[in-house]
């Protein structure tokens, strides 16, 4: 089975876990099991290619299409309100 891997850093060119990336994209075989596990754990995009997808992917140049990334929902913030009423200030030396 072949896989298309996209880096979390757009446009990265270099080698990671023995897999060579060009413009943020690499292809690897199923035999690269430890590399695939690493990529999954580090947030790389992994797409399994079947024969139909391989033909389409071969005609696409690496820089034409940027991968679509979704961001996780932001965590709710804790309130930083103080015990005093809004718009009031505590005077120096005042007890709380």
PDB file of N, CA and C in Angstrom:
ATOM      1  N   UNK A   1       0.848  -1.176   0.000  1.00  0.00           N
ATOM      2  CA  UNK A   1       0.000   0.000   0.000  1.00  0.00           C
ATOM      3  C   UNK A   1       0.892   1.238   0.000  1.00  0.00           C
ATOM      4  N   UNK A   2       0.495   2.233  -0.738  1.00  0.00           N
ATOM      5  CA  UNK A   2       1.236   3.494  -0.788  1.00  0.00           C
ATOM      6  C   UNK A   2       0.500   4.550   0.030  1.00  0.00           C
ATOM      7  N   UNK A   3       1.277   5.473   0.578  1.00  0.00           N
ATOM      8  CA  UNK A   3       0.729   6.560   1.376  1.00  0.00           C
ATOM      9  C   UNK A   3       1.296   7.889   0.898  1.00  0.00           C
ATOM     10  N   UNK A   4       0.475   8.902   0.972  1.00  0.00           N
ATOM     11  CA  UNK A   4       0.900  10.282   0.693  1.00  0.00           C
ATOM     12  C   UNK A   4       0.948  10.979   2.041  1.00  0.00           C
ATOM     13  N   UNK A   5       2.096  11.530   2.379  1.00  0.00           N
ATOM     14  CA  UNK A   5       2.308  12.168   3.668  1.00  0.00           C
ATOM     15  C   UNK A   5       2.510  13.664   3.443  1.00  0.00           C
ATOM     16  N   UNK A   6       1.825  14.489   4.230  1.00  0.00           N
ATOM     17  CA  UNK A   6       2.019  15.940   4.162  1.00  0.00           C
ATOM     18  C   UNK A   6       2.530  16.421   5.521  1.00  0.00           C
ATOM     19  N   UNK A   7       3.465  17.336   5.491  1.00  0.00           N
ATOM     20  CA  UNK A   7       4.085  17.817   6.721  1.00  0.00           C
ATOM     21  C   UNK A   7       3.215  18.857   7.417  1.00  0.00           C
ATOM     22  N   UNK A   8       3.353  18.966   8.744  1.00  0.00           N
ATOM     23  CA  UNK A   8       2.641  20.029   9.460  1.00  0.00           C
ATOM     24  C   UNK A   8       3.156  21.415   9.091  1.00  0.00           C
ATOM     25  N   UNK A   9       4.404  21.490   8.620  1.00  0.00           N
ATOM     26  CA  UNK A   9       4.998  22.761   8.186  1.00  0.00           C
ATOM     27  C   UNK A   9       4.905  22.812   6.666  1.00  0.00           C
ATOM     28  N   UNK A  10       4.074  23.698   6.152  1.00  0.00           N
ATOM     29  CA  UNK A  10       3.856  23.782   4.702  1.00  0.00           C
ATOM     30  C   UNK A  10       5.163  24.085   3.977  1.00  0.00           C
ATOM     31  N   UNK A  11       5.393  23.353   2.888  1.00  0.00           N
ATOM     32  CA  UNK A  11       6.542  23.615   2.040  1.00  0.00           C
ATOM     33  C   UNK A  11       7.856  23.017   2.511  1.00  0.00           C
ATOM     34  N   UNK A  12       7.849  22.207   3.576  1.00  0.00           N
ATOM     35  CA  UNK A  12       9.085  21.625   4.094  1.00  0.00           C
ATOM     36  C   UNK A  12       9.735  20.721   3.055  1.00  0.00           C
ATOM     37  N   UNK A  13      11.041  20.859   2.871  1.00  0.00           N
ATOM     38  CA  UNK A  13      11.812  19.982   2.001  1.00  0.00           C
ATOM     39  C   UNK A  13      12.966  19.431   2.826  1.00  0.00           C
ATOM     40  N   UNK A  14      13.068  18.102   2.886  1.00  0.00           N
ATOM     41  CA  UNK A  14      14.113  17.462   3.666  1.00  0.00           C
ATOM     42  C   UNK A  14      13.715  16.041   4.003  1.00  0.00           C
ATOM     43  N   UNK A  15      14.435  15.440   4.930  1.00  0.00           N
ATOM     44  CA  UNK A  15      14.186  14.049   5.303  1.00  0.00           C
ATOM     45  C   UNK A  15      13.750  13.956   6.753  1.00  0.00           C
ATOM     46  N   UNK A  16      12.702  13.162   6.990  1.00  0.00           N
ATOM     47  CA  UNK A  16      12.209  12.906   8.338  1.00  0.00           C
ATOM     48  C   UNK A  16      11.945  11.412   8.440  1.00  0.00           C
ATOM     49  N   UNK A  17      12.477  10.769   9.458  1.00  0.00           N
ATOM     50  CA  UNK A  17      12.272   9.339   9.710  1.00  0.00           C
ATOM     51  C   UNK A  17      12.594   8.494   8.482  1.00  0.00           C
ATOM     52  N   UNK A  18      13.595   8.904   7.730  1.00  0.00           N
ATOM     53  CA  UNK A  18      14.007   8.145   6.548  1.00  0.00           C
ATOM     54  C   UNK A  18      13.151   8.359   5.321  1.00  0.00           C
ATOM     55  N   UNK A  19      12.195   9.281   5.380  1.00  0.00           N
ATOM     56  CA  UNK A  19      11.307   9.574   4.253  1.00  0.00           C
ATOM     57  C   UNK A  19      11.652  10.975   3.743  1.00  0.00           C
ATOM     58  N   UNK A  20      11.830  11.100   2.436  1.00  0.00           N
ATOM     59  CA  UNK A  20      12.215  12.374   1.839  1.00  0.00           C
ATOM     60  C   UNK A  20      10.989  13.170   1.410  1.00  0.00           C
ATOM     61  N   UNK A  21      10.921  14.422   1.873  1.00  0.00           N
ATOM     62  CA  UNK A  21       9.818  15.324   1.552  1.00  0.00           C
ATOM     63  C   UNK A  21      10.292  16.391   0.584  1.00  0.00           C
ATOM     64  N   UNK A  22       9.412  16.765  -0.341  1.00  0.00           N
ATOM     65  CA  UNK A  22       9.661  17.866  -1.270  1.00  0.00           C
ATOM     66  C   UNK A  22       8.421  18.748  -1.275  1.00  0.00           C
ATOM     67  N   UNK A  23       8.598  20.008  -0.930  1.00  0.00           N
ATOM     68  CA  UNK A  23       7.489  20.968  -0.854  1.00  0.00           C
ATOM     69  C   UNK A  23       6.362  20.466   0.045  1.00  0.00           C
ATOM     70  N   UNK A  24       6.728  19.837   1.149  1.00  0.00           N
ATOM     71  CA  UNK A  24       5.747  19.407   2.137  1.00  0.00           C
ATOM     72  C   UNK A  24       5.050  18.096   1.843  1.00  0.00           C
ATOM     73  N   UNK A  25       5.463  17.365   0.795  1.00  0.00           N
ATOM     74  CA  UNK A  25       4.780  16.129   0.403  1.00  0.00           C
ATOM     75  C   UNK A  25       5.791  15.003   0.199  1.00  0.00           C
ATOM     76  N   UNK A  26       5.419  13.796   0.623  1.00  0.00           N
ATOM     77  CA  UNK A  26       6.236  12.611   0.376  1.00  0.00           C
ATOM     78  C   UNK A  26       5.321  11.422   0.126  1.00  0.00           C
ATOM     79  N   UNK A  27       5.864  10.408  -0.503  1.00  0.00           N
ATOM     80  CA  UNK A  27       5.148   9.158  -0.709  1.00  0.00           C
ATOM     81  C   UNK A  27       5.967   8.043  -0.104  1.00  0.00           C
ATOM     82  N   UNK A  28       5.312   7.093   0.553  1.00  0.00           N
ATOM     83  CA  UNK A  28       6.052   5.968   1.109  1.00  0.00           C
ATOM     84  C   UNK A  28       5.212   4.703   1.001  1.00  0.00           C
ATOM     85  N   UNK A  29       5.896   3.585   1.143  1.00  0.00           N
ATOM     86  CA  UNK A  29       5.276   2.269   1.049  1.00  0.00           C
ATOM     87  C   UNK A  29       4.872   1.782   2.435  1.00  0.00           C
ATOM     88  N   UNK A  30       4.036   0.751   2.448  1.00  0.00           N
ATOM     89  CA  UNK A  30       3.577   0.130   3.686  1.00  0.00           C
ATOM     90  C   UNK A  30       4.747  -0.390   4.518  1.00  0.00           C
ATOM     91  N   UNK A  31       5.861  -0.691   3.878  1.00  0.00           N
ATOM     92  CA  UNK A  31       7.018  -1.224   4.592  1.00  0.00           C
ATOM     93  C   UNK A  31       7.614  -0.209   5.561  1.00  0.00           C
ATOM     94  N   UNK A  32       7.204   1.047   5.475  1.00  0.00           N
ATOM     95  CA  UNK A  32       7.694   2.088   6.376  1.00  0.00           C
ATOM     96  C   UNK A  32       6.778   2.238   7.598  1.00  0.00           C
ATOM     97  N   UNK A  33       6.416   1.115   8.212  1.00  0.00           N
ATOM     98  CA  UNK A  33       5.488   1.118   9.355  1.00  0.00           C
ATOM     99  C   UNK A  33       5.909   2.023  10.499  1.00  0.00           C
ATOM    100  N   UNK A  34       7.160   1.934  10.989  1.00  0.00           N
ATOM    101  CA  UNK A  34       7.571   2.823  12.086  1.00  0.00           C
ATOM    102  C   UNK A  34       7.516   4.300  11.691  1.00  0.00           C
ATOM    103  N   UNK A  35       7.847   4.605  10.454  1.00  0.00           N
ATOM    104  CA  UNK A  35       7.778   5.999  10.002  1.00  0.00           C
ATOM    105  C   UNK A  35       6.332   6.476  10.002  1.00  0.00           C
ATOM    106  N   UNK A  36       5.410   5.643   9.524  1.00  0.00           N
ATOM    107  CA  UNK A  36       3.994   6.029   9.512  1.00  0.00           C
ATOM    108  C   UNK A  36       3.485   6.267  10.936  1.00  0.00           C
ATOM    109  N   UNK A  37       3.895   5.422  11.864  1.00  0.00           N
ATOM    110  CA  UNK A  37       3.481   5.599  13.265  1.00  0.00           C
ATOM    111  C   UNK A  37       3.997   6.930  13.804  1.00  0.00           C
ATOM    112  N   UNK A  38       5.241   7.264  13.475  1.00  0.00           N
ATOM    113  CA  UNK A  38       5.806   8.539  13.906  1.00  0.00           C
ATOM    114  C   UNK A  38       5.021   9.706  13.312  1.00  0.00           C
ATOM    115  N   UNK A  39       4.753   9.651  12.010  1.00  0.00           N
ATOM    116  CA  UNK A  39       4.027  10.737  11.351  1.00  0.00           C
ATOM    117  C   UNK A  39       2.652  10.929  11.961  1.00  0.00           C
ATOM    118  N   UNK A  40       1.957   9.837  12.247  1.00  0.00           N
ATOM    119  CA  UNK A  40       0.625   9.948  12.876  1.00  0.00           C
ATOM    120  C   UNK A  40       0.734  10.639  14.234  1.00  0.00           C
ATOM    121  N   UNK A  41       1.739  10.251  15.022  1.00  0.00           N
ATOM    122  CA  UNK A  41       1.866  10.812  16.373  1.00  0.00           C
ATOM    123  C   UNK A  41       2.256  12.293  16.360  1.00  0.00           C
ATOM    124  N   UNK A  42       2.853  12.760  15.264  1.00  0.00           N
ATOM    125  CA  UNK A  42       3.321  14.140  15.197  1.00  0.00           C
ATOM    126  C   UNK A  42       2.416  15.062  14.383  1.00  0.00           C
ATOM    127  N   UNK A  43       1.260  14.572  13.947  1.00  0.00           N
ATOM    128  CA  UNK A  43       0.288  15.432  13.274  1.00  0.00           C
ATOM    129  C   UNK A  43       0.487  15.610  11.783  1.00  0.00           C
ATOM    130  N   UNK A  44       1.245  14.727  11.154  1.00  0.00           N
ATOM    131  CA  UNK A  44       1.391  14.783   9.691  1.00  0.00           C
ATOM    132  C   UNK A  44       0.083  14.307   9.057  1.00  0.00           C
ATOM    133  N   UNK A  45      -0.231  14.811   7.868  1.00  0.00           N
ATOM    134  CA  UNK A  45      -1.390  14.335   7.129  1.00  0.00           C
ATOM    135  C   UNK A  45      -1.019  13.043   6.408  1.00  0.00           C
ATOM    136  N   UNK A  46      -1.825  12.009   6.566  1.00  0.00           N
ATOM    137  CA  UNK A  46      -1.548  10.718   5.927  1.00  0.00           C
ATOM    138  C   UNK A  46      -2.759  10.308   5.118  1.00  0.00           C
ATOM    139  N   UNK A  47      -2.543  10.077   3.823  1.00  0.00           N
ATOM    140  CA  UNK A  47      -3.615   9.641   2.934  1.00  0.00           C
ATOM    141  C   UNK A  47      -3.209   8.315   2.310  1.00  0.00           C
ATOM    142  N   UNK A  48      -4.054   7.307   2.465  1.00  0.00           N
ATOM    143  CA  UNK A  48      -3.789   6.016   1.841  1.00  0.00           C
ATOM    144  C   UNK A  48      -4.200   6.098   0.381  1.00  0.00           C
ATOM    145  N   UNK A  49      -3.303   5.712  -0.488  1.00  0.00           N
ATOM    146  CA  UNK A  49      -3.572   5.796  -1.919  1.00  0.00           C
ATOM    147  C   UNK A  49      -3.935   4.419  -2.469  1.00  0.00           C
ATOM    148  N   UNK A  50      -5.024   4.363  -3.227  1.00  0.00           N
ATOM    149  CA  UNK A  50      -5.309   3.133  -3.965  1.00  0.00           C
ATOM    150  C   UNK A  50      -4.859   3.370  -5.406  1.00  0.00           C
ATOM    151  N   UNK A  51      -5.041   2.424  -6.272  1.00  0.00           N
ATOM    152  CA  UNK A  51      -4.530   2.559  -7.637  1.00  0.00           C
ATOM    153  C   UNK A  51      -5.118   3.764  -8.367  1.00  0.00           C
ATOM    154  N   UNK A  52      -6.390   4.061  -8.168  1.00  0.00           N
ATOM    155  CA  UNK A  52      -7.016   5.209  -8.839  1.00  0.00           C
ATOM    156  C   UNK A  52      -6.417   6.515  -8.326  1.00  0.00           C
ATOM    157  N   UNK A  53      -6.204   6.600  -7.016  1.00  0.00           N
ATOM    158  CA  UNK A  53      -5.629   7.815  -6.438  1.00  0.00           C
ATOM    159  C   UNK A  53      -4.179   7.994  -6.862  1.00  0.00           C
ATOM    160  N   UNK A  54      -3.435   6.907  -7.031  1.00  0.00           N
ATOM    161  CA  UNK A  54      -2.040   7.006  -7.439  1.00  0.00           C
ATOM    162  C   UNK A  54      -1.911   7.658  -8.813  1.00  0.00           C
ATOM    163  N   UNK A  55      -2.794   7.291  -9.739  1.00  0.00           N
ATOM    164  CA  UNK A  55      -2.739   7.867 -11.078  1.00  0.00           C
ATOM    165  C   UNK A  55      -3.012   9.370 -11.022  1.00  0.00           C
ATOM    166  N   UNK A  56      -3.987   9.773 -10.242  1.00  0.00           N
ATOM    167  CA  UNK A  56      -4.304  11.197 -10.117  1.00  0.00           C
ATOM    168  C   UNK A  56      -3.170  11.931  -9.409  1.00  0.00           C
ATOM    169  N   UNK A  57      -2.584  11.315  -8.401  1.00  0.00           N
ATOM    170  CA  UNK A  57      -1.515  11.938  -7.647  1.00  0.00           C
ATOM    171  C   UNK A  57      -0.250  12.103  -8.486  1.00  0.00           C
ATOM    172  N   UNK A  58      -0.002  11.177  -9.390  1.00  0.00           N
ATOM    173  CA  UNK A  58       1.192  11.243 -10.225  1.00  0.00           C
ATOM    174  C   UNK A  58       1.150  12.456 -11.166  1.00  0.00           C
ATOM    175  N   UNK A  59      -0.048  12.886 -11.554  1.00  0.00           N
ATOM    176  CA  UNK A  59      -0.174  14.024 -12.461  1.00  0.00           C
ATOM    177  C   UNK A  59      -0.175  15.354 -11.724  1.00  0.00           C
ATOM    178  N   UNK A  60      -0.388  15.320 -10.403  1.00  0.00           N
ATOM    179  CA  UNK A  60      -0.429  16.550  -9.615  1.00  0.00           C
ATOM    180  C   UNK A  60       0.982  16.908  -9.174  1.00  0.00           C
ATOM    181  N   UNK A  61       1.362  18.135  -9.390  1.00  0.00           N
ATOM    182  CA  UNK A  61       2.680  18.537  -8.902  1.00  0.00           C
ATOM    183  C   UNK A  61       2.573  18.823  -7.420  1.00  0.00           C
ATOM    184  N   UNK A  62       3.661  18.680  -6.702  1.00  0.00           N
ATOM    185  CA  UNK A  62       3.657  18.769  -5.243  1.00  0.00           C
ATOM    186  C   UNK A  62       3.203  20.131  -4.732  1.00  0.00           C
ATOM    187  N   UNK A  63       3.486  21.216  -5.435  1.00  0.00           N
ATOM    188  CA  UNK A  63       3.166  22.543  -4.925  1.00  0.00           C
ATOM    189  C   UNK A  63       1.823  23.087  -5.349  1.00  0.00           C
ATOM    190  N   UNK A  64       1.061  22.373  -6.168  1.00  0.00           N
ATOM    191  CA  UNK A  64      -0.193  22.917  -6.687  1.00  0.00           C
ATOM    192  C   UNK A  64      -1.286  23.031  -5.638  1.00  0.00           C
ATOM    193  N   UNK A  65      -1.455  22.025  -4.827  1.00  0.00           N
ATOM    194  CA  UNK A  65      -2.573  22.022  -3.899  1.00  0.00           C
ATOM    195  C   UNK A  65      -2.059  21.934  -2.472  1.00  0.00           C
ATOM    196  N   UNK A  66      -2.473  22.878  -1.653  1.00  0.00           N
ATOM    197  CA  UNK A  66      -2.090  22.843  -0.248  1.00  0.00           C
ATOM    198  C   UNK A  66      -3.065  21.948   0.504  1.00  0.00           C
ATOM    199  N   UNK A  67      -2.591  21.166   1.471  1.00  0.00           N
ATOM    200  CA  UNK A  67      -3.501  20.314   2.227  1.00  0.00           C
ATOM    201  C   UNK A  67      -4.443  21.166   3.079  1.00  0.00           C
ATOM    202  N   UNK A  68      -5.647  20.707   3.236  1.00  0.00           N
ATOM    203  CA  UNK A  68      -6.631  21.410   4.040  1.00  0.00           C
ATOM    204  C   UNK A  68      -6.459  20.949   5.480  1.00  0.00           C
ATOM    205  N   UNK A  69      -6.249  21.871   6.365  1.00  0.00           N
ATOM    206  CA  UNK A  69      -6.056  21.550   7.773  1.00  0.00           C
ATOM    207  C   UNK A  69      -7.185  22.188   8.571  1.00  0.00           C
ATOM    208  N   UNK A  70      -7.643  21.465   9.548  1.00  0.00           N
ATOM    209  CA  UNK A  70      -8.640  22.017  10.447  1.00  0.00           C
ATOM    210  C   UNK A  70      -7.997  22.200  11.811  1.00  0.00           C
ATOM    211  N   UNK A  71      -8.375  23.245  12.491  1.00  0.00           N
ATOM    212  CA  UNK A  71      -7.838  23.516  13.810  1.00  0.00           C
ATOM    213  C   UNK A  71      -8.810  22.991  14.855  1.00  0.00           C
ATOM    214  N   UNK A  72      -8.302  22.474  15.970  1.00  0.00           N
ATOM    215  CA  UNK A  72      -9.210  22.044  17.031  1.00  0.00           C
ATOM    216  C   UNK A  72      -9.897  23.260  17.646  1.00  0.00           C
ATOM    217  N   UNK A  73     -11.053  23.027  18.213  1.00  0.00           N
ATOM    218  CA  UNK A  73     -11.799  24.108  18.844  1.00  0.00           C
ATOM    219  C   UNK A  73     -10.985  24.672  19.999  1.00  0.00           C
ATOM    220  N   UNK A  74     -11.020  25.993  20.193  1.00  0.00           N
ATOM    221  CA  UNK A  74     -10.256  26.577  21.297  1.00  0.00           C
ATOM    222  C   UNK A  74     -10.815  26.126  22.638  1.00  0.00           C
ATOM    223  N   UNK A  75      -9.940  25.988  23.620  1.00  0.00           N
ATOM    224  CA  UNK A  75     -10.362  25.598  24.957  1.00  0.00           C
ATOM    225  C   UNK A  75     -11.021  26.801  25.628  1.00  0.00           C
ATOM    226  N   UNK A  76     -12.070  26.550  26.422  1.00  0.00           N
ATOM    227  CA  UNK A  76     -12.706  27.672  27.117  1.00  0.00           C
ATOM    228  C   UNK A  76     -11.737  28.296  28.114  1.00  0.00           C
ATOM    229  N   UNK A  77     -11.782  29.598  28.223  1.00  0.00           N
ATOM    230  CA  UNK A  77     -10.899  30.303  29.144  1.00  0.00           C
ATOM    231  C   UNK A  77     -11.537  30.407  30.515  1.00  0.00           C
ATOM    232  N   UNK A  78     -10.698  30.371  31.512  1.00  0.00           N
ATOM    233  CA  UNK A  78     -11.191  30.556  32.875  1.00  0.00           C
ATOM    234  C   UNK A  78     -11.412  32.044  33.119  1.00  0.00           C
ATOM    235  N   UNK A  79     -12.372  32.325  33.927  1.00  0.00           N
ATOM    236  CA  UNK A  79     -12.652  33.715  34.266  1.00  0.00           C
ATOM    237  C   UNK A  79     -11.538  34.264  35.145  1.00  0.00           C
ATOM    238  N   UNK A  80     -11.120  35.469  34.862  1.00  0.00           N
ATOM    239  CA  UNK A  80     -10.082  36.116  35.674  1.00  0.00           C
ATOM    240  C   UNK A  80     -10.677  37.224  36.528  1.00  0.00           C
ATOM    241  N   UNK A  81     -11.989  37.199  36.700  1.00  0.00           N
ATOM    242  CA  UNK A  81     -12.660  38.250  37.471  1.00  0.00           C
ATOM    243  C   UNK A  81     -12.213  38.200  38.925  1.00  0.00           C
ATOM    244  N   UNK A  82     -12.134  39.368  39.552  1.00  0.00           N
ATOM    245  CA  UNK A  82     -11.761  39.454  40.964  1.00  0.00           C
ATOM    246  C   UNK A  82     -13.012  39.608  41.807  1.00  0.00           C
ATOM    247  N   UNK A  83     -12.826  39.592  43.104  1.00  0.00           N
ATOM    248  CA  UNK A  83     -13.963  39.701  44.021  1.00  0.00           C
ATOM    249  C   UNK A  83     -14.580  41.087  44.005  1.00  0.00           C
ATOM    250  N   UNK A  84     -13.856  42.094  43.587  1.00  0.00           N
ATOM    251  CA  UNK A  84     -14.413  43.452  43.591  1.00  0.00           C
ATOM    252  C   UNK A  84     -15.340  43.641  42.397  1.00  0.00           C
ATOM    253  N   UNK A  85     -16.252  44.564  42.531  1.00  0.00           N
ATOM    254  CA  UNK A  85     -17.220  44.845  41.480  1.00  0.00           C
ATOM    255  C   UNK A  85     -16.521  45.496  40.294  1.00  0.00           C
ATOM    256  N   UNK A  86     -17.067  45.332  39.094  1.00  0.00           N
ATOM    257  CA  UNK A  86     -16.446  45.958  37.924  1.00  0.00           C
ATOM    258  C   UNK A  86     -16.391  47.472  38.072  1.00  0.00           C
ATOM    259  N   UNK A  87     -15.286  48.046  37.683  1.00  0.00           N
ATOM    260  CA  UNK A  87     -15.146  49.491  37.717  1.00  0.00           C
ATOM    261  C   UNK A  87     -14.687  50.049  39.052  1.00  0.00           C
ATOM    262  N   UNK A  88     -14.514  49.183  40.045  1.00  0.00           N
ATOM    263  CA  UNK A  88     -14.043  49.667  41.344  1.00  0.00           C
ATOM    264  C   UNK A  88     -12.597  49.250  41.538  1.00  0.00           C
ATOM    265  N   UNK A  89     -11.891  50.032  42.294  1.00  0.00           N
ATOM    266  CA  UNK A  89     -10.489  49.731  42.571  1.00  0.00           C
ATOM    267  C   UNK A  89     -10.303  49.565  44.065  1.00  0.00           C
ATOM    268  N   UNK A  90      -9.377  48.729  44.407  1.00  0.00           N
ATOM    269  CA  UNK A  90      -9.039  48.587  45.816  1.00  0.00           C
ATOM    270  C   UNK A  90      -7.977  49.617  46.166  1.00  0.00           C
ATOM    271  N   UNK A  91      -8.092  50.138  47.347  1.00  0.00           N
ATOM    272  CA  UNK A  91      -7.109  51.098  47.792  1.00  0.00           C
ATOM    273  C   UNK A  91      -5.978  50.356  48.484  1.00  0.00           C
ATOM    274  N   UNK A  92      -4.818  50.953  48.382  1.00  0.00           N
ATOM    275  CA  UNK A  92      -3.647  50.353  48.999  1.00  0.00           C
ATOM    276  C   UNK A  92      -3.869  50.216  50.494  1.00  0.00           C
ATOM    277  N   UNK A  93      -3.577  49.020  51.027  1.00  0.00           N
ATOM    278  CA  UNK A  93      -3.744  48.777  52.462  1.00  0.00           C
ATOM    279  C   UNK A  93      -5.119  48.273  52.829  1.00  0.00           C
ATOM    280  N   UNK A  94      -6.091  48.234  51.870  1.00  0.00           N
ATOM    281  CA  UNK A  94      -7.417  47.740  52.152  1.00  0.00           C
ATOM    282  C   UNK A  94      -7.408  46.228  52.269  1.00  0.00           C
ATOM    283  N   UNK A  95      -8.144  45.680  53.205  1.00  0.00           N
ATOM    284  CA  UNK A  95      -8.261  44.228  53.344  1.00  0.00           C
ATOM    285  C   UNK A  95      -9.276  43.693  52.362  1.00  0.00           C
ATOM    286  N   UNK A  96      -9.084  42.448  51.950  1.00  0.00           N
ATOM    287  CA  UNK A  96     -10.035  41.822  51.013  1.00  0.00           C
ATOM    288  C   UNK A  96     -11.028  40.970  51.704  1.00  0.00           C
TER     289      UNK A  96
END
